[in-house]
Every structure is written in C-alpha cells, then in structure tokens.
Amino acid sequence: MHAFALATTGSGGFTLRGSLNVVFAGAVAGAIGGILLVVIDRFLPQRLWLRGVLFAAVCYLIATPGFRPPRLVVFALFAPAFLAYGVVLEWWWERGVRSRRLTSA
C-alpha cells in the first residue's frame, strides 16, 4: 500500500491506524466478494480461467466508484490485484466447494 500511496499522491507513511484500516477494508471487501461469488456462480462460464477473469471484472466494476483519487494510475495499479483475487478465488472455489458437491452427490 505504501507503493500505491507513493505512486498516486507522492507521499506515504506508515501508521497503525492506516494499516488497520486497509486490513479491515480488505476483509470486508473479501467477504462481499465471496458472497457475490455464491450469488453469480451459476451464471459464469465453465472454463476456470474465464470464470476468474469475469468474476474479477465484476468485482472491479463494483469497486471502481470507491477508488480515491479517481485517476488512471489508481485504476491501473488496482487492476492486477483484482485479477489475482478473481482467479485465485475461482480456483479455490473449484477445488474446494465444487469438488465436495460432486463427491457428496
């Protein structure tokens, strides 16, 4: 996050309050993303990589109004994080949740 702050505002520092704010916001966003995946899972395509990319795109579009400051560099810096989140969550979902559904049926 320090690198993000330096790239967007030119100044950055470490505070416990700021770090806890980032951790809490990430936990809330992750929980909302998990709930969103449960809701839209049946509408996503079967290919795992495409599911991850599309899910990441949906999360990114939902989150972009909250990006501050709203500059192109901010959108570019956060895009890889959203892509990684979408792909990893879909991979985990496929291995963990779907495999249990298939074996228990």
PDB file of N, CA and C in Angstrom:
ATOM      1  N   MET A   1       0.828  -1.192   0.000  1.00  0.00           N
ATOM      2  CA  MET A   1       0.000   0.000   0.000  1.00  0.00           C
ATOM      3  C   MET A   1       0.868   1.250   0.000  1.00  0.00           C
ATOM      4  N   HIS A   2       2.042   1.143   0.586  1.00  0.00           N
ATOM      5  CA  HIS A   2       2.959   2.284   0.595  1.00  0.00           C
ATOM      6  C   HIS A   2       3.332   2.663  -0.838  1.00  0.00           C
ATOM      7  N   ALA A   3       3.600   1.656  -1.663  1.00  0.00           N
ATOM      8  CA  ALA A   3       3.925   1.923  -3.070  1.00  0.00           C
ATOM      9  C   ALA A   3       2.741   2.555  -3.804  1.00  0.00           C
ATOM     10  N   PHE A   4       1.528   2.113  -3.492  1.00  0.00           N
ATOM     11  CA  PHE A   4       0.338   2.714  -4.106  1.00  0.00           C
ATOM     12  C   PHE A   4       0.232   4.184  -3.713  1.00  0.00           C
ATOM     13  N   ALA A   5       0.472   4.472  -2.437  1.00  0.00           N
ATOM     14  CA  ALA A   5       0.388   5.862  -1.970  1.00  0.00           C
ATOM     15  C   ALA A   5       1.447   6.721  -2.637  1.00  0.00           C
ATOM     16  N   LEU A   6       2.647   6.210  -2.753  1.00  0.00           N
ATOM     17  CA  LEU A   6       3.704   6.982  -3.404  1.00  0.00           C
ATOM     18  C   LEU A   6       3.399   7.226  -4.874  1.00  0.00           C
ATOM     19  N   ALA A   7       2.832   6.239  -5.547  1.00  0.00           N
ATOM     20  CA  ALA A   7       2.528   6.380  -6.970  1.00  0.00           C
ATOM     21  C   ALA A   7       1.363   7.325  -7.224  1.00  0.00           C
ATOM     22  N   THR A   8       0.447   7.445  -6.288  1.00  0.00           N
ATOM     23  CA  THR A   8      -0.748   8.260  -6.538  1.00  0.00           C
ATOM     24  C   THR A   8      -0.683   9.652  -5.923  1.00  0.00           C
ATOM     25  N   THR A   9      -0.105   9.781  -4.746  1.00  0.00           N
ATOM     26  CA  THR A   9      -0.105  11.087  -4.086  1.00  0.00           C
ATOM     27  C   THR A   9       1.289  11.659  -3.901  1.00  0.00           C
ATOM     28  N   GLY A  10       2.309  10.842  -4.072  1.00  0.00           N
ATOM     29  CA  GLY A  10       3.672  11.330  -3.897  1.00  0.00           C
ATOM     30  C   GLY A  10       4.146  11.330  -2.466  1.00  0.00           C
ATOM     31  N   SER A  11       3.267  11.015  -1.541  1.00  0.00           N
ATOM     32  CA  SER A  11       3.680  10.933  -0.146  1.00  0.00           C
ATOM     33  C   SER A  11       3.016   9.720   0.475  1.00  0.00           C
ATOM     34  N   GLY A  12       3.712   9.122   1.367  1.00  0.00           N
ATOM     35  CA  GLY A  12       3.142   7.957   2.025  1.00  0.00           C
ATOM     36  C   GLY A  12       3.867   7.723   3.337  1.00  0.00           C
ATOM     37  N   GLY A  13       3.170   7.209   4.243  1.00  0.00           N
ATOM     38  CA  GLY A  13       3.768   6.928   5.526  1.00  0.00           C
ATOM     39  C   GLY A  13       3.062   5.745   6.154  1.00  0.00           C
ATOM     40  N   PHE A  14       3.657   5.226   7.219  1.00  0.00           N
ATOM     41  CA  PHE A  14       3.086   4.082   7.908  1.00  0.00           C
ATOM     42  C   PHE A  14       2.493   4.535   9.225  1.00  0.00           C
ATOM     43  N   THR A  15       1.250   4.171   9.435  1.00  0.00           N
ATOM     44  CA  THR A  15       0.616   4.364  10.739  1.00  0.00           C
ATOM     45  C   THR A  15      -0.163   3.091  11.065  1.00  0.00           C
ATOM     46  N   LEU A  16      -0.276   2.809  12.316  1.00  0.00           N
ATOM     47  CA  LEU A  16      -1.040   1.643  12.729  1.00  0.00           C
ATOM     48  C   LEU A  16      -2.502   1.792  12.332  1.00  0.00           C
ATOM     49  N   ARG A  17      -3.041   2.971  12.508  1.00  0.00           N
ATOM     50  CA  ARG A  17      -4.435   3.213  12.153  1.00  0.00           C
ATOM     51  C   ARG A  17      -4.668   3.013  10.652  1.00  0.00           C
ATOM     52  N   GLY A  18      -3.766   3.531   9.834  1.00  0.00           N
ATOM     53  CA  GLY A  18      -3.898   3.359   8.390  1.00  0.00           C
ATOM     54  C   GLY A  18      -3.782   1.907   7.972  1.00  0.00           C
ATOM     55  N   SER A  19      -2.862   1.185   8.595  1.00  0.00           N
ATOM     56  CA  SER A  19      -2.687  -0.233   8.267  1.00  0.00           C
ATOM     57  C   SER A  19      -3.913  -1.045   8.669  1.00  0.00           C
ATOM     58  N   LEU A  20      -4.445  -0.782   9.856  1.00  0.00           N
ATOM     59  CA  LEU A  20      -5.648  -1.486  10.287  1.00  0.00           C
ATOM     60  C   LEU A  20      -6.841  -1.152   9.405  1.00  0.00           C
ATOM     61  N   ASN A  21      -6.904   0.080   8.936  1.00  0.00           N
ATOM     62  CA  ASN A  21      -7.966   0.489   8.024  1.00  0.00           C
ATOM     63  C   ASN A  21      -7.898  -0.319   6.724  1.00  0.00           C
ATOM     64  N   VAL A  22      -6.691  -0.479   6.192  1.00  0.00           N
ATOM     65  CA  VAL A  22      -6.518  -1.246   4.956  1.00  0.00           C
ATOM     66  C   VAL A  22      -6.872  -2.709   5.185  1.00  0.00           C
ATOM     67  N   VAL A  23      -6.431  -3.285   6.290  1.00  0.00           N
ATOM     68  CA  VAL A  23      -6.731  -4.686   6.587  1.00  0.00           C
ATOM     69  C   VAL A  23      -8.235  -4.891   6.764  1.00  0.00           C
ATOM     70  N   PHE A  24      -8.894  -4.012   7.492  1.00  0.00           N
ATOM     71  CA  PHE A  24     -10.333  -4.127   7.705  1.00  0.00           C
ATOM     72  C   PHE A  24     -11.094  -3.969   6.391  1.00  0.00           C
ATOM     73  N   ALA A  25     -10.714  -2.978   5.592  1.00  0.00           N
ATOM     74  CA  ALA A  25     -11.388  -2.771   4.305  1.00  0.00           C
ATOM     75  C   ALA A  25     -11.187  -3.983   3.403  1.00  0.00           C
ATOM     76  N   GLY A  26      -9.996  -4.574   3.420  1.00  0.00           N
ATOM     77  CA  GLY A  26      -9.746  -5.769   2.618  1.00  0.00           C
ATOM     78  C   GLY A  26     -10.563  -6.956   3.083  1.00  0.00           C
ATOM     79  N   ALA A  27     -10.716  -7.109   4.394  1.00  0.00           N
ATOM     80  CA  ALA A  27     -11.520  -8.207   4.930  1.00  0.00           C
ATOM     81  C   ALA A  27     -12.990  -8.046   4.540  1.00  0.00           C
ATOM     82  N   VAL A  28     -13.498  -6.844   4.641  1.00  0.00           N
ATOM     83  CA  VAL A  28     -14.893  -6.588   4.258  1.00  0.00           C
ATOM     84  C   VAL A  28     -15.084  -6.816   2.764  1.00  0.00           C
ATOM     85  N   ALA A  29     -14.161  -6.293   1.954  1.00  0.00           N
ATOM     86  CA  ALA A  29     -14.264  -6.473   0.504  1.00  0.00           C
ATOM     87  C   ALA A  29     -14.159  -7.949   0.125  1.00  0.00           C
ATOM     88  N   GLY A  30     -13.292  -8.692   0.788  1.00  0.00           N
ATOM     89  CA  GLY A  30     -13.171 -10.121   0.520  1.00  0.00           C
ATOM     90  C   GLY A  30     -14.426 -10.884   0.879  1.00  0.00           C
ATOM     91  N   ALA A  31     -15.035 -10.553   1.998  1.00  0.00           N
ATOM     92  CA  ALA A  31     -16.285 -11.202   2.396  1.00  0.00           C
ATOM     93  C   ALA A  31     -17.405 -10.890   1.407  1.00  0.00           C
ATOM     94  N   ILE A  32     -17.487  -9.647   0.990  1.00  0.00           N
ATOM     95  CA  ILE A  32     -18.500  -9.273  -0.002  1.00  0.00           C
ATOM     96  C   ILE A  32     -18.235  -9.989  -1.323  1.00  0.00           C
ATOM     97  N   GLY A  33     -16.963 -10.104  -1.699  1.00  0.00           N
ATOM     98  CA  GLY A  33     -16.620 -10.832  -2.919  1.00  0.00           C
ATOM     99  C   GLY A  33     -17.013 -12.291  -2.843  1.00  0.00           C
ATOM    100  N   GLY A  34     -16.814 -12.921  -1.692  1.00  0.00           N
ATOM    101  CA  GLY A  34     -17.224 -14.311  -1.523  1.00  0.00           C
ATOM    102  C   GLY A  34     -18.729 -14.494  -1.636  1.00  0.00           C
ATOM    103  N   ILE A  35     -19.468 -13.579  -1.031  1.00  0.00           N
ATOM    104  CA  ILE A  35     -20.933 -13.627  -1.133  1.00  0.00           C
ATOM    105  C   ILE A  35     -21.363 -13.407  -2.578  1.00  0.00           C
ATOM    106  N   LEU A  36     -20.707 -12.474  -3.259  1.00  0.00           N
ATOM    107  CA  LEU A  36     -21.016 -12.218  -4.665  1.00  0.00           C
ATOM    108  C   LEU A  36     -20.764 -13.458  -5.518  1.00  0.00           C
ATOM    109  N   LEU A  37     -19.680 -14.174  -5.231  1.00  0.00           N
ATOM    110  CA  LEU A  37     -19.389 -15.397  -5.988  1.00  0.00           C
ATOM    111  C   LEU A  37     -20.480 -16.439  -5.788  1.00  0.00           C
ATOM    112  N   VAL A  38     -20.959 -16.594  -4.578  1.00  0.00           N
ATOM    113  CA  VAL A  38     -22.047 -17.547  -4.319  1.00  0.00           C
ATOM    114  C   VAL A  38     -23.280 -17.175  -5.138  1.00  0.00           C
ATOM    115  N   VAL A  39     -23.557 -15.875  -5.237  1.00  0.00           N
ATOM    116  CA  VAL A  39     -24.761 -15.416  -5.939  1.00  0.00           C
ATOM    117  C   VAL A  39     -24.644 -15.589  -7.452  1.00  0.00           C
ATOM    118  N   ILE A  40     -23.486 -15.253  -8.035  1.00  0.00           N
ATOM    119  CA  ILE A  40     -23.367 -15.262  -9.504  1.00  0.00           C
ATOM    120  C   ILE A  40     -22.700 -16.516 -10.052  1.00  0.00           C
ATOM    121  N   ASP A  41     -22.364 -17.472  -9.215  1.00  0.00           N
ATOM    122  CA  ASP A  41     -21.631 -18.670  -9.645  1.00  0.00           C
ATOM    123  C   ASP A  41     -22.300 -19.381 -10.808  1.00  0.00           C
ATOM    124  N   ARG A  42     -23.582 -19.565 -10.759  1.00  0.00           N
ATOM    125  CA  ARG A  42     -24.270 -20.338 -11.807  1.00  0.00           C
ATOM    126  C   ARG A  42     -24.326 -19.620 -13.146  1.00  0.00           C
ATOM    127  N   PHE A  43     -24.059 -18.307 -13.161  1.00  0.00           N
ATOM    128  CA  PHE A  43     -24.121 -17.543 -14.405  1.00  0.00           C
ATOM    129  C   PHE A  43     -22.762 -17.419 -15.099  1.00  0.00           C
ATOM    130  N   LEU A  44     -21.710 -17.872 -14.447  1.00  0.00           N
ATOM    131  CA  LEU A  44     -20.370 -17.776 -15.015  1.00  0.00           C
ATOM    132  C   LEU A  44     -20.096 -18.965 -15.924  1.00  0.00           C
ATOM    133  N   PRO A  45     -19.227 -18.788 -16.939  1.00  0.00           N
ATOM    134  CA  PRO A  45     -18.930 -19.893 -17.865  1.00  0.00           C
ATOM    135  C   PRO A  45     -18.181 -21.034 -17.175  1.00  0.00           C
ATOM    136  N   GLN A  46     -18.033 -22.156 -17.868  1.00  0.00           N
ATOM    137  CA  GLN A  46     -17.414 -23.345 -17.288  1.00  0.00           C
ATOM    138  C   GLN A  46     -15.892 -23.280 -17.229  1.00  0.00           C
ATOM    139  N   ARG A  47     -15.247 -22.628 -18.162  1.00  0.00           N
ATOM    140  CA  ARG A  47     -13.780 -22.553 -18.162  1.00  0.00           C
ATOM    141  C   ARG A  47     -13.293 -21.783 -16.946  1.00  0.00           C
ATOM    142  N   LEU A  48     -12.401 -22.414 -16.212  1.00  0.00           N
ATOM    143  CA  LEU A  48     -11.949 -21.853 -14.935  1.00  0.00           C
ATOM    144  C   LEU A  48     -11.269 -20.498 -15.087  1.00  0.00           C
ATOM    145  N   TRP A  49     -10.357 -20.365 -16.046  1.00  0.00           N
ATOM    146  CA  TRP A  49      -9.647 -19.098 -16.204  1.00  0.00           C
ATOM    147  C   TRP A  49     -10.596 -17.982 -16.619  1.00  0.00           C
ATOM    148  N   LEU A  50     -11.563 -18.307 -17.463  1.00  0.00           N
ATOM    149  CA  LEU A  50     -12.538 -17.300 -17.894  1.00  0.00           C
ATOM    150  C   LEU A  50     -13.466 -16.914 -16.743  1.00  0.00           C
ATOM    151  N   ARG A  51     -13.824 -17.889 -15.917  1.00  0.00           N
ATOM    152  CA  ARG A  51     -14.633 -17.600 -14.728  1.00  0.00           C
ATOM    153  C   ARG A  51     -13.898 -16.614 -13.825  1.00  0.00           C
ATOM    154  N   GLY A  52     -12.604 -16.866 -13.607  1.00  0.00           N
ATOM    155  CA  GLY A  52     -11.809 -15.996 -12.749  1.00  0.00           C
ATOM    156  C   GLY A  52     -11.705 -14.587 -13.295  1.00  0.00           C
ATOM    157  N   VAL A  53     -11.467 -14.469 -14.586  1.00  0.00           N
ATOM    158  CA  VAL A  53     -11.338 -13.145 -15.204  1.00  0.00           C
ATOM    159  C   VAL A  53     -12.668 -12.400 -15.156  1.00  0.00           C
ATOM    160  N   LEU A  54     -13.753 -13.074 -15.476  1.00  0.00           N
ATOM    161  CA  LEU A  54     -15.064 -12.408 -15.443  1.00  0.00           C
ATOM    162  C   LEU A  54     -15.473 -12.016 -14.029  1.00  0.00           C
ATOM    163  N   PHE A  55     -15.216 -12.901 -13.075  1.00  0.00           N
ATOM    164  CA  PHE A  55     -15.531 -12.565 -11.692  1.00  0.00           C
ATOM    165  C   PHE A  55     -14.695 -11.371 -11.231  1.00  0.00           C
ATOM    166  N   ALA A  56     -13.423 -11.348 -11.587  1.00  0.00           N
ATOM    167  CA  ALA A  56     -12.560 -10.214 -11.243  1.00  0.00           C
ATOM    168  C   ALA A  56     -13.082  -8.924 -11.880  1.00  0.00           C
ATOM    169  N   ALA A  57     -13.539  -9.010 -13.125  1.00  0.00           N
ATOM    170  CA  ALA A  57     -14.074  -7.825 -13.803  1.00  0.00           C
ATOM    171  C   ALA A  57     -15.328  -7.300 -13.108  1.00  0.00           C
ATOM    172  N   VAL A  58     -16.195  -8.205 -12.672  1.00  0.00           N
ATOM    173  CA  VAL A  58     -17.405  -7.780 -11.954  1.00  0.00           C
ATOM    174  C   VAL A  58     -17.030  -7.085 -10.643  1.00  0.00           C
ATOM    175  N   CYS A  59     -16.108  -7.688  -9.892  1.00  0.00           N
ATOM    176  CA  CYS A  59     -15.661  -7.072  -8.633  1.00  0.00           C
ATOM    177  C   CYS A  59     -15.015  -5.716  -8.881  1.00  0.00           C
ATOM    178  N   TYR A  60     -14.214  -5.630  -9.925  1.00  0.00           N
ATOM    179  CA  TYR A  60     -13.519  -4.381 -10.266  1.00  0.00           C
ATOM    180  C   TYR A  60     -14.529  -3.289 -10.605  1.00  0.00           C
ATOM    181  N   LEU A  61     -15.531  -3.631 -11.409  1.00  0.00           N
ATOM    182  CA  LEU A  61     -16.543  -2.634 -11.784  1.00  0.00           C
ATOM    183  C   LEU A  61     -17.357  -2.169 -10.579  1.00  0.00           C
ATOM    184  N   ILE A  62     -17.618  -3.065  -9.661  1.00  0.00           N
ATOM    185  CA  ILE A  62     -18.350  -2.679  -8.459  1.00  0.00           C
ATOM    186  C   ILE A  62     -17.506  -1.759  -7.582  1.00  0.00           C
ATOM    187  N   ALA A  63     -16.211  -2.019  -7.504  1.00  0.00           N
ATOM    188  CA  ALA A  63     -15.332  -1.275  -6.596  1.00  0.00           C
ATOM    189  C   ALA A  63     -14.829   0.050  -7.156  1.00  0.00           C
ATOM    190  N   THR A  64     -14.795   0.223  -8.455  1.00  0.00           N
ATOM    191  CA  THR A  64     -14.172   1.424  -9.030  1.00  0.00           C
ATOM    192  C   THR A  64     -14.770   2.749  -8.564  1.00  0.00           C
ATOM    193  N   PRO A  65     -16.048   2.850  -8.272  1.00  0.00           N
ATOM    194  CA  PRO A  65     -16.521   4.153  -7.777  1.00  0.00           C
ATOM    195  C   PRO A  65     -15.874   4.569  -6.452  1.00  0.00           C
ATOM    196  N   GLY A  66     -15.346   3.622  -5.692  1.00  0.00           N
ATOM    197  CA  GLY A  66     -14.718   3.944  -4.417  1.00  0.00           C
ATOM    198  C   GLY A  66     -13.245   4.275  -4.512  1.00  0.00           C
ATOM    199  N   PHE A  67     -12.637   4.171  -5.681  1.00  0.00           N
ATOM    200  CA  PHE A  67     -11.209   4.461  -5.828  1.00  0.00           C
ATOM    201  C   PHE A  67     -10.962   5.959  -5.666  1.00  0.00           C
ATOM    202  N   ARG A  68     -10.068   6.277  -4.739  1.00  0.00           N
ATOM    203  CA  ARG A  68      -9.706   7.674  -4.500  1.00  0.00           C
ATOM    204  C   ARG A  68      -8.206   7.791  -4.460  1.00  0.00           C
ATOM    205  N   PRO A  69      -7.624   8.726  -5.134  1.00  0.00           N
ATOM    206  CA  PRO A  69      -8.189   9.673  -6.083  1.00  0.00           C
ATOM    207  C   PRO A  69      -8.522   8.977  -7.406  1.00  0.00           C
ATOM    208  N   PRO A  70      -9.592   9.420  -8.067  1.00  0.00           N
ATOM    209  CA  PRO A  70     -10.014   8.746  -9.298  1.00  0.00           C
ATOM    210  C   PRO A  70      -9.135   9.143 -10.487  1.00  0.00           C
ATOM    211  N   ARG A  71      -7.958   8.538 -10.555  1.00  0.00           N
ATOM    212  CA  ARG A  71      -7.031   8.796 -11.652  1.00  0.00           C
ATOM    213  C   ARG A  71      -6.706   7.488 -12.345  1.00  0.00           C
ATOM    214  N   LEU A  72      -6.247   7.586 -13.582  1.00  0.00           N
ATOM    215  CA  LEU A  72      -5.937   6.407 -14.378  1.00  0.00           C
ATOM    216  C   LEU A  72      -4.896   5.522 -13.704  1.00  0.00           C
ATOM    217  N   VAL A  73      -3.906   6.120 -13.065  1.00  0.00           N
ATOM    218  CA  VAL A  73      -2.864   5.327 -12.411  1.00  0.00           C
ATOM    219  C   VAL A  73      -3.446   4.492 -11.263  1.00  0.00           C
ATOM    220  N   VAL A  74      -4.443   5.000 -10.573  1.00  0.00           N
ATOM    221  CA  VAL A  74      -5.082   4.249  -9.489  1.00  0.00           C
ATOM    222  C   VAL A  74      -5.797   3.026 -10.063  1.00  0.00           C
ATOM    223  N   PHE A  75      -6.535   3.218 -11.151  1.00  0.00           N
ATOM    224  CA  PHE A  75      -7.234   2.105 -11.780  1.00  0.00           C
ATOM    225  C   PHE A  75      -6.245   1.063 -12.297  1.00  0.00           C
ATOM    226  N   ALA A  76      -5.137   1.516 -12.869  1.00  0.00           N
ATOM    227  CA  ALA A  76      -4.117   0.596 -13.391  1.00  0.00           C
ATOM    228  C   ALA A  76      -3.408  -0.159 -12.272  1.00  0.00           C
ATOM    229  N   LEU A  77      -3.172   0.477 -11.140  1.00  0.00           N
ATOM    230  CA  LEU A  77      -2.493  -0.192 -10.034  1.00  0.00           C
ATOM    231  C   LEU A  77      -3.365  -1.257  -9.374  1.00  0.00           C
ATOM    232  N   PHE A  78      -4.655  -1.021  -9.301  1.00  0.00           N
ATOM    233  CA  PHE A  78      -5.543  -1.972  -8.631  1.00  0.00           C
ATOM    234  C   PHE A  78      -5.995  -3.115  -9.540  1.00  0.00           C
ATOM    235  N   ALA A  79      -5.934  -2.952 -10.844  1.00  0.00           N
ATOM    236  CA  ALA A  79      -6.411  -3.989 -11.765  1.00  0.00           C
ATOM    237  C   ALA A  79      -5.720  -5.340 -11.558  1.00  0.00           C
ATOM    238  N   PRO A  80      -4.393  -5.414 -11.447  1.00  0.00           N
ATOM    239  CA  PRO A  80      -3.769  -6.734 -11.223  1.00  0.00           C
ATOM    240  C   PRO A  80      -4.185  -7.389  -9.903  1.00  0.00           C
ATOM    241  N   ALA A  81      -4.417  -6.598  -8.874  1.00  0.00           N
ATOM    242  CA  ALA A  81      -4.852  -7.160  -7.594  1.00  0.00           C
ATOM    243  C   ALA A  81      -6.240  -7.781  -7.734  1.00  0.00           C
ATOM    244  N   PHE A  82      -7.128  -7.128  -8.441  1.00  0.00           N
ATOM    245  CA  PHE A  82      -8.463  -7.674  -8.655  1.00  0.00           C
ATOM    246  C   PHE A  82      -8.405  -8.925  -9.517  1.00  0.00           C
ATOM    247  N   LEU A  83      -7.548  -8.917 -10.537  1.00  0.00           N
ATOM    248  CA  LEU A  83      -7.403 -10.088 -11.390  1.00  0.00           C
ATOM    249  C   LEU A  83      -6.890 -11.275 -10.579  1.00  0.00           C
ATOM    250  N   ALA A  84      -5.894 -11.054  -9.764  1.00  0.00           N
ATOM    251  CA  ALA A  84      -5.353 -12.124  -8.930  1.00  0.00           C
ATOM    252  C   ALA A  84      -6.417 -12.641  -7.959  1.00  0.00           C
ATOM    253  N   TYR A  85      -7.169 -11.736  -7.348  1.00  0.00           N
ATOM    254  CA  TYR A  85      -8.234 -12.132  -6.418  1.00  0.00           C
ATOM    255  C   TYR A  85      -9.271 -13.005  -7.132  1.00  0.00           C
ATOM    256  N   GLY A  86      -9.713 -12.572  -8.305  1.00  0.00           N
ATOM    257  CA  GLY A  86     -10.731 -13.331  -9.035  1.00  0.00           C
ATOM    258  C   GLY A  86     -10.257 -14.708  -9.440  1.00  0.00           C
ATOM    259  N   VAL A  87      -9.042 -14.797  -9.951  1.00  0.00           N
ATOM    260  CA  VAL A  87      -8.518 -16.086 -10.408  1.00  0.00           C
ATOM    261  C   VAL A  87      -8.265 -17.020  -9.228  1.00  0.00           C
ATOM    262  N   VAL A  88      -7.658 -16.518  -8.166  1.00  0.00           N
ATOM    263  CA  VAL A  88      -7.367 -17.364  -7.003  1.00  0.00           C
ATOM    264  C   VAL A  88      -8.663 -17.824  -6.325  1.00  0.00           C
ATOM    265  N   LEU A  89      -9.628 -16.926  -6.172  1.00  0.00           N
ATOM    266  CA  LEU A  89     -10.885 -17.317  -5.532  1.00  0.00           C
ATOM    267  C   LEU A  89     -11.633 -18.347  -6.369  1.00  0.00           C
ATOM    268  N   GLU A  90     -11.650 -18.171  -7.680  1.00  0.00           N
ATOM    269  CA  GLU A  90     -12.311 -19.156  -8.539  1.00  0.00           C
ATOM    270  C   GLU A  90     -11.586 -20.496  -8.492  1.00  0.00           C
ATOM    271  N   TRP A  91     -10.260 -20.479  -8.468  1.00  0.00           N
ATOM    272  CA  TRP A  91      -9.503 -21.724  -8.373  1.00  0.00           C
ATOM    273  C   TRP A  91      -9.821 -22.436  -7.056  1.00  0.00           C
ATOM    274  N   TRP A  92      -9.820 -21.665  -5.960  1.00  0.00           N
ATOM    275  CA  TRP A  92     -10.135 -22.239  -4.656  1.00  0.00           C
ATOM    276  C   TRP A  92     -11.569 -22.766  -4.637  1.00  0.00           C
ATOM    277  N   TRP A  93     -12.487 -22.000  -5.190  1.00  0.00           N
ATOM    278  CA  TRP A  93     -13.893 -22.390  -5.231  1.00  0.00           C
ATOM    279  C   TRP A  93     -14.050 -23.704  -5.999  1.00  0.00           C
ATOM    280  N   GLU A  94     -13.371 -23.818  -7.121  1.00  0.00           N
ATOM    281  CA  GLU A  94     -13.442 -25.029  -7.937  1.00  0.00           C
ATOM    282  C   GLU A  94     -12.880 -26.232  -7.184  1.00  0.00           C
ATOM    283  N   ARG A  95     -11.756 -26.067  -6.555  1.00  0.00           N
ATOM    284  CA  ARG A  95     -11.114 -27.182  -5.845  1.00  0.00           C
ATOM    285  C   ARG A  95     -11.829 -27.521  -4.547  1.00  0.00           C
ATOM    286  N   GLY A  96     -12.254 -26.510  -3.817  1.00  0.00           N
ATOM    287  CA  GLY A  96     -12.831 -26.757  -2.503  1.00  0.00           C
ATOM    288  C   GLY A  96     -14.312 -27.032  -2.504  1.00  0.00           C
ATOM    289  N   VAL A  97     -15.075 -26.132  -3.026  1.00  0.00           N
ATOM    290  CA  VAL A  97     -16.530 -26.206  -2.907  1.00  0.00           C
ATOM    291  C   VAL A  97     -17.130 -27.119  -3.968  1.00  0.00           C
ATOM    292  N   ARG A  98     -16.765 -26.929  -5.194  1.00  0.00           N
ATOM    293  CA  ARG A  98     -17.371 -27.736  -6.266  1.00  0.00           C
ATOM    294  C   ARG A  98     -17.007 -29.199  -6.172  1.00  0.00           C
ATOM    295  N   SER A  99     -15.762 -29.481  -5.812  1.00  0.00           N
ATOM    296  CA  SER A  99     -15.360 -30.897  -5.729  1.00  0.00           C
ATOM    297  C   SER A  99     -16.139 -31.607  -4.622  1.00  0.00           C
ATOM    298  N   ARG A 100     -16.442 -30.911  -3.532  1.00  0.00           N
ATOM    299  CA  ARG A 100     -17.243 -31.514  -2.460  1.00  0.00           C
ATOM    300  C   ARG A 100     -18.673 -31.758  -2.906  1.00  0.00           C
ATOM    301  N   ARG A 101     -19.197 -30.832  -3.702  1.00  0.00           N
ATOM    302  CA  ARG A 101     -20.569 -31.013  -4.198  1.00  0.00           C
ATOM    303  C   ARG A 101     -20.656 -32.254  -5.093  1.00  0.00           C
ATOM    304  N   LEU A 102     -19.634 -32.440  -5.926  1.00  0.00           N
ATOM    305  CA  LEU A 102     -19.669 -33.569  -6.858  1.00  0.00           C
ATOM    306  C   LEU A 102     -19.477 -34.904  -6.134  1.00  0.00           C
ATOM    307  N   THR A 103     -18.634 -34.933  -5.127  1.00  0.00           N
ATOM    308  CA  THR A 103     -18.385 -36.195  -4.423  1.00  0.00           C
ATOM    309  C   THR A 103     -19.494 -36.558  -3.454  1.00  0.00           C
ATOM    310  N   SER A 104     -20.223 -35.579  -2.959  1.00  0.00           N
ATOM    311  CA  SER A 104     -21.281 -35.874  -1.995  1.00  0.00           C
ATOM    312  C   SER A 104     -22.617 -36.174  -2.653  1.00  0.00           C
ATOM    313  N   ALA A 105     -22.729 -35.926  -3.948  1.00  0.00           N
ATOM    314  CA  ALA A 105     -24.000 -36.137  -4.651  1.00  0.00           C
ATOM    315  C   ALA A 105     -24.215 -37.577  -5.014  1.00  0.00           C
TER     316      ALA A 105
END
